[in-house]
Amino acid sequence: MTQLAENALPAPQVGWINMIHNFSDHAANERTFLAWVRTGIAVIAFGFVIEKFNLFLMTIARSGLGGAADRLRLQTLSGSFSHFDGLAFIAVGIALVMLATVRFVRTTRMLDDAQTHLAKGVRTELVLSGVLVVLVASYSIHLAFD
């Protein structure tokens, strides 16, 4: 038992703080950053899936399997719009990750600053989220009506 007491951590001294200043705020900032990065990576991955799916549809359409109507429908699904929708998702995902990084660094600097700052700069996130909603809606409509 004496060996455990010797290896134990020293008792905290008065006035001794073993914490990062505003730790909970910094941790919340980091969690928010990681959530945005996860979302961006998911959007990028979805863009890659769409691109691969388009290549798959084009391959099947060119292989000559099925009737002429089936081949025409597959060519329509893998048409000109389909070449850009996956790339658009990839671009929006990359923009999300870049925006998240900029916001994380800016918020970290503001948390370390002693001054009070106004919450601003939310418009960019709203615009990017709106673009993502439009992309998803247009891709869904494209798949539903083609």
C-alpha atoms as a PDB file:
ATOM      1  CA  MET A   1       0.000   0.000   0.000  1.00  0.00           C
ATOM      2  CA  THR A   2       2.878   2.373   0.544  1.00  0.00           C
ATOM      3  CA  GLN A   3       3.969   1.844  -3.044  1.00  0.00           C
ATOM      4  CA  LEU A   4       0.569   3.087  -4.284  1.00  0.00           C
ATOM      5  CA  ALA A   5       0.874   6.192  -2.146  1.00  0.00           C
ATOM      6  CA  GLU A   6       4.314   6.911  -3.567  1.00  0.00           C
ATOM      7  CA  ASN A   7       3.100   6.680  -7.176  1.00  0.00           C
ATOM      8  CA  ALA A   8      -0.022   8.772  -6.583  1.00  0.00           C
ATOM      9  CA  LEU A   9      -0.325  12.226  -8.105  1.00  0.00           C
ATOM     10  CA  PRO A  10       0.498  15.141  -5.845  1.00  0.00           C
ATOM     11  CA  ALA A  11      -2.406  16.900  -4.207  1.00  0.00           C
ATOM     12  CA  PRO A  12      -3.427  20.085  -6.030  1.00  0.00           C
ATOM     13  CA  GLN A  13      -1.993  23.206  -4.515  1.00  0.00           C
ATOM     14  CA  VAL A  14      -4.032  26.304  -3.788  1.00  0.00           C
ATOM     15  CA  GLY A  15      -4.318  28.448  -6.918  1.00  0.00           C
ATOM     16  CA  TRP A  16      -2.980  25.655  -9.125  1.00  0.00           C
ATOM     17  CA  ILE A  17      -5.170  25.052 -12.175  1.00  0.00           C
ATOM     18  CA  ASN A  18      -4.536  22.178 -14.529  1.00  0.00           C
ATOM     19  CA  MET A  19      -7.035  23.226 -17.235  1.00  0.00           C
ATOM     20  CA  ILE A  20      -7.093  25.093 -20.508  1.00  0.00           C
ATOM     21  CA  HIS A  21      -8.684  28.521 -20.245  1.00  0.00           C
ATOM     22  CA  ASN A  22     -12.271  28.342 -21.599  1.00  0.00           C
ATOM     23  CA  PHE A  23     -11.862  24.603 -22.135  1.00  0.00           C
ATOM     24  CA  SER A  24     -15.588  23.893 -22.572  1.00  0.00           C
ATOM     25  CA  ASP A  25     -15.842  26.596 -25.245  1.00  0.00           C
ATOM     26  CA  HIS A  26     -12.805  25.250 -27.097  1.00  0.00           C
ATOM     27  CA  ALA A  27     -14.158  21.690 -26.856  1.00  0.00           C
ATOM     28  CA  ALA A  28     -17.534  22.823 -28.236  1.00  0.00           C
ATOM     29  CA  ASN A  29     -15.743  24.623 -31.079  1.00  0.00           C
ATOM     30  CA  GLU A  30     -13.800  21.476 -31.899  1.00  0.00           C
ATOM     31  CA  ARG A  31     -16.930  19.292 -31.820  1.00  0.00           C
ATOM     32  CA  THR A  32     -18.674  21.704 -34.179  1.00  0.00           C
ATOM     33  CA  PHE A  33     -15.659  21.679 -36.496  1.00  0.00           C
ATOM     34  CA  LEU A  34     -15.589  17.888 -36.570  1.00  0.00           C
ATOM     35  CA  ALA A  35     -19.337  17.738 -37.281  1.00  0.00           C
ATOM     36  CA  TRP A  36     -18.889  20.061 -40.283  1.00  0.00           C
ATOM     37  CA  VAL A  37     -15.912  18.012 -41.498  1.00  0.00           C
ATOM     38  CA  ARG A  38     -17.921  14.777 -41.214  1.00  0.00           C
ATOM     39  CA  THR A  39     -20.754  16.370 -43.174  1.00  0.00           C
ATOM     40  CA  GLY A  40     -18.340  17.588 -45.853  1.00  0.00           C
ATOM     41  CA  ILE A  41     -16.737  14.161 -46.167  1.00  0.00           C
ATOM     42  CA  ALA A  42     -20.172  12.538 -46.451  1.00  0.00           C
ATOM     43  CA  VAL A  43     -21.175  14.968 -49.226  1.00  0.00           C
ATOM     44  CA  ILE A  44     -17.884  14.285 -51.066  1.00  0.00           C
ATOM     45  CA  ALA A  45     -18.426  10.535 -50.733  1.00  0.00           C
ATOM     46  CA  PHE A  46     -21.974  10.890 -52.055  1.00  0.00           C
ATOM     47  CA  GLY A  47     -20.599  12.798 -55.041  1.00  0.00           C
ATOM     48  CA  PHE A  48     -18.169   9.953 -55.745  1.00  0.00           C
ATOM     49  CA  VAL A  49     -21.013   7.427 -55.490  1.00  0.00           C
ATOM     50  CA  ILE A  50     -23.063   9.428 -57.988  1.00  0.00           C
ATOM     51  CA  GLU A  51     -20.110   9.599 -60.399  1.00  0.00           C
ATOM     52  CA  LYS A  52     -19.469   5.854 -60.131  1.00  0.00           C
ATOM     53  CA  PHE A  53     -23.183   5.137 -60.564  1.00  0.00           C
ATOM     54  CA  ASN A  54     -23.229   7.268 -63.724  1.00  0.00           C
ATOM     55  CA  LEU A  55     -20.260   5.338 -65.109  1.00  0.00           C
ATOM     56  CA  PHE A  56     -22.058   2.098 -64.288  1.00  0.00           C
ATOM     57  CA  LEU A  57     -25.213   3.269 -66.097  1.00  0.00           C
ATOM     58  CA  MET A  58     -23.229   4.354 -69.155  1.00  0.00           C
ATOM     59  CA  THR A  59     -21.449   0.991 -69.270  1.00  0.00           C
ATOM     60  CA  ILE A  60     -24.715  -0.926 -69.116  1.00  0.00           C
ATOM     61  CA  ALA A  61     -26.314   1.348 -71.740  1.00  0.00           C
ATOM     62  CA  ARG A  62     -23.407   0.775 -74.134  1.00  0.00           C
ATOM     63  CA  SER A  63     -23.206  -2.963 -73.531  1.00  0.00           C
ATOM     64  CA  GLY A  64     -26.330  -3.647 -75.553  1.00  0.00           C
ATOM     65  CA  LEU A  65     -28.158  -5.548 -72.806  1.00  0.00           C
ATOM     66  CA  GLY A  66     -31.936  -5.237 -72.791  1.00  0.00           C
ATOM     67  CA  GLY A  67     -34.193  -3.664 -75.319  1.00  0.00           C
ATOM     68  CA  ALA A  68     -33.854  -0.350 -77.124  1.00  0.00           C
ATOM     69  CA  ALA A  69     -36.244   1.332 -74.669  1.00  0.00           C
ATOM     70  CA  ASP A  70     -34.146   0.196 -71.707  1.00  0.00           C
ATOM     71  CA  ARG A  71     -30.929   1.432 -73.313  1.00  0.00           C
ATOM     72  CA  LEU A  72     -32.549   4.796 -74.099  1.00  0.00           C
ATOM     73  CA  ARG A  73     -33.716   5.167 -70.500  1.00  0.00           C
ATOM     74  CA  LEU A  74     -30.237   4.318 -69.172  1.00  0.00           C
ATOM     75  CA  GLN A  75     -28.643   6.822 -71.563  1.00  0.00           C
ATOM     76  CA  THR A  76     -31.096   9.466 -70.359  1.00  0.00           C
ATOM     77  CA  LEU A  77     -30.224   8.745 -66.715  1.00  0.00           C
ATOM     78  CA  SER A  78     -26.525   8.991 -67.478  1.00  0.00           C
ATOM     79  CA  GLY A  79     -26.965  12.046 -69.722  1.00  0.00           C
ATOM     80  CA  SER A  80     -25.289  15.433 -69.661  1.00  0.00           C
ATOM     81  CA  PHE A  81     -26.787  16.523 -66.330  1.00  0.00           C
ATOM     82  CA  SER A  82     -25.478  13.400 -64.634  1.00  0.00           C
ATOM     83  CA  HIS A  83     -21.883  14.233 -65.514  1.00  0.00           C
ATOM     84  CA  PHE A  84     -22.012  17.400 -63.418  1.00  0.00           C
ATOM     85  CA  ASP A  85     -24.176  16.476 -60.447  1.00  0.00           C
ATOM     86  CA  GLY A  86     -21.564  14.248 -58.799  1.00  0.00           C
ATOM     87  CA  LEU A  87     -18.873  16.862 -59.383  1.00  0.00           C
ATOM     88  CA  ALA A  88     -21.150  19.511 -57.872  1.00  0.00           C
ATOM     89  CA  PHE A  89     -21.585  17.413 -54.721  1.00  0.00           C
ATOM     90  CA  ILE A  90     -17.822  16.921 -54.502  1.00  0.00           C
ATOM     91  CA  ALA A  91     -17.220  20.675 -54.896  1.00  0.00           C
ATOM     92  CA  VAL A  92     -19.798  21.568 -52.233  1.00  0.00           C
ATOM     93  CA  GLY A  93     -18.275  18.993 -49.852  1.00  0.00           C
ATOM     94  CA  ILE A  94     -14.808  20.459 -50.338  1.00  0.00           C
ATOM     95  CA  ALA A  95     -16.222  23.944 -49.756  1.00  0.00           C
ATOM     96  CA  LEU A  96     -17.854  22.718 -46.527  1.00  0.00           C
ATOM     97  CA  VAL A  97     -14.550  21.351 -45.212  1.00  0.00           C
ATOM     98  CA  MET A  98     -12.687  24.543 -46.146  1.00  0.00           C
ATOM     99  CA  LEU A  99     -15.360  26.735 -44.559  1.00  0.00           C
ATOM    100  CA  ALA A 100     -15.327  24.612 -41.411  1.00  0.00           C
ATOM    101  CA  THR A 101     -11.561  24.996 -41.126  1.00  0.00           C
ATOM    102  CA  VAL A 102     -11.707  28.771 -41.541  1.00  0.00           C
ATOM    103  CA  ARG A 103     -14.494  29.070 -38.973  1.00  0.00           C
ATOM    104  CA  PHE A 104     -12.676  26.806 -36.522  1.00  0.00           C
ATOM    105  CA  VAL A 105      -9.488  28.883 -36.654  1.00  0.00           C
ATOM    106  CA  ARG A 106     -11.397  32.169 -36.437  1.00  0.00           C
ATOM    107  CA  THR A 107     -13.518  30.991 -33.511  1.00  0.00           C
ATOM    108  CA  THR A 108     -10.458  29.656 -31.679  1.00  0.00           C
ATOM    109  CA  ARG A 109      -8.789  33.057 -31.981  1.00  0.00           C
ATOM    110  CA  MET A 110     -11.931  34.803 -30.743  1.00  0.00           C
ATOM    111  CA  LEU A 111     -12.195  32.442 -27.755  1.00  0.00           C
ATOM    112  CA  ASP A 112      -8.616  33.216 -26.780  1.00  0.00           C
ATOM    113  CA  ASP A 113      -9.232  36.962 -27.099  1.00  0.00           C
ATOM    114  CA  ALA A 114     -10.405  38.795 -23.997  1.00  0.00           C
ATOM    115  CA  GLN A 115     -12.744  41.061 -25.956  1.00  0.00           C
ATOM    116  CA  THR A 116     -16.405  40.303 -26.557  1.00  0.00           C
ATOM    117  CA  HIS A 117     -17.193  39.582 -30.200  1.00  0.00           C
ATOM    118  CA  LEU A 118     -20.461  39.650 -32.090  1.00  0.00           C
ATOM    119  CA  ALA A 119     -21.694  36.460 -33.713  1.00  0.00           C
ATOM    120  CA  LYS A 120     -21.511  37.166 -37.429  1.00  0.00           C
ATOM    121  CA  GLY A 121     -20.624  35.354 -40.615  1.00  0.00           C
ATOM    122  CA  VAL A 122     -23.541  32.930 -40.538  1.00  0.00           C
ATOM    123  CA  ARG A 123     -24.650  33.896 -44.053  1.00  0.00           C
ATOM    124  CA  THR A 124     -21.936  31.815 -45.710  1.00  0.00           C
ATOM    125  CA  GLU A 125     -23.071  28.652 -43.926  1.00  0.00           C
ATOM    126  CA  LEU A 126     -26.687  29.353 -44.827  1.00  0.00           C
ATOM    127  CA  VAL A 127     -25.827  29.920 -48.495  1.00  0.00           C
ATOM    128  CA  LEU A 128     -23.728  26.748 -48.659  1.00  0.00           C
ATOM    129  CA  SER A 129     -26.457  24.742 -46.925  1.00  0.00           C
ATOM    130  CA  GLY A 130     -28.995  26.182 -49.369  1.00  0.00           C
ATOM    131  CA  VAL A 131     -26.813  25.153 -52.307  1.00  0.00           C
ATOM    132  CA  LEU A 132     -26.622  21.641 -50.874  1.00  0.00           C
ATOM    133  CA  VAL A 133     -30.426  21.497 -50.516  1.00  0.00           C
ATOM    134  CA  VAL A 134     -30.848  22.666 -54.129  1.00  0.00           C
ATOM    135  CA  LEU A 135     -28.364  20.022 -55.324  1.00  0.00           C
ATOM    136  CA  VAL A 136     -30.156  17.231 -53.489  1.00  0.00           C
ATOM    137  CA  ALA A 137     -33.563  18.428 -54.705  1.00  0.00           C
ATOM    138  CA  SER A 138     -32.420  18.748 -58.323  1.00  0.00           C
ATOM    139  CA  TYR A 139     -30.795  15.322 -58.288  1.00  0.00           C
ATOM    140  CA  SER A 140     -33.933  13.785 -56.766  1.00  0.00           C
ATOM    141  CA  ILE A 141     -36.127  15.448 -59.381  1.00  0.00           C
ATOM    142  CA  HIS A 142     -33.746  14.316 -62.139  1.00  0.00           C
ATOM    143  CA  LEU A 143     -33.983  10.708 -60.957  1.00  0.00           C
ATOM    144  CA  ALA A 144     -37.749  10.850 -60.423  1.00  0.00           C
ATOM    145  CA  PHE A 145     -38.692  12.239 -63.841  1.00  0.00           C
ATOM    146  CA  ASP A 146     -36.112  10.595 -66.110  1.00  0.00           C
END
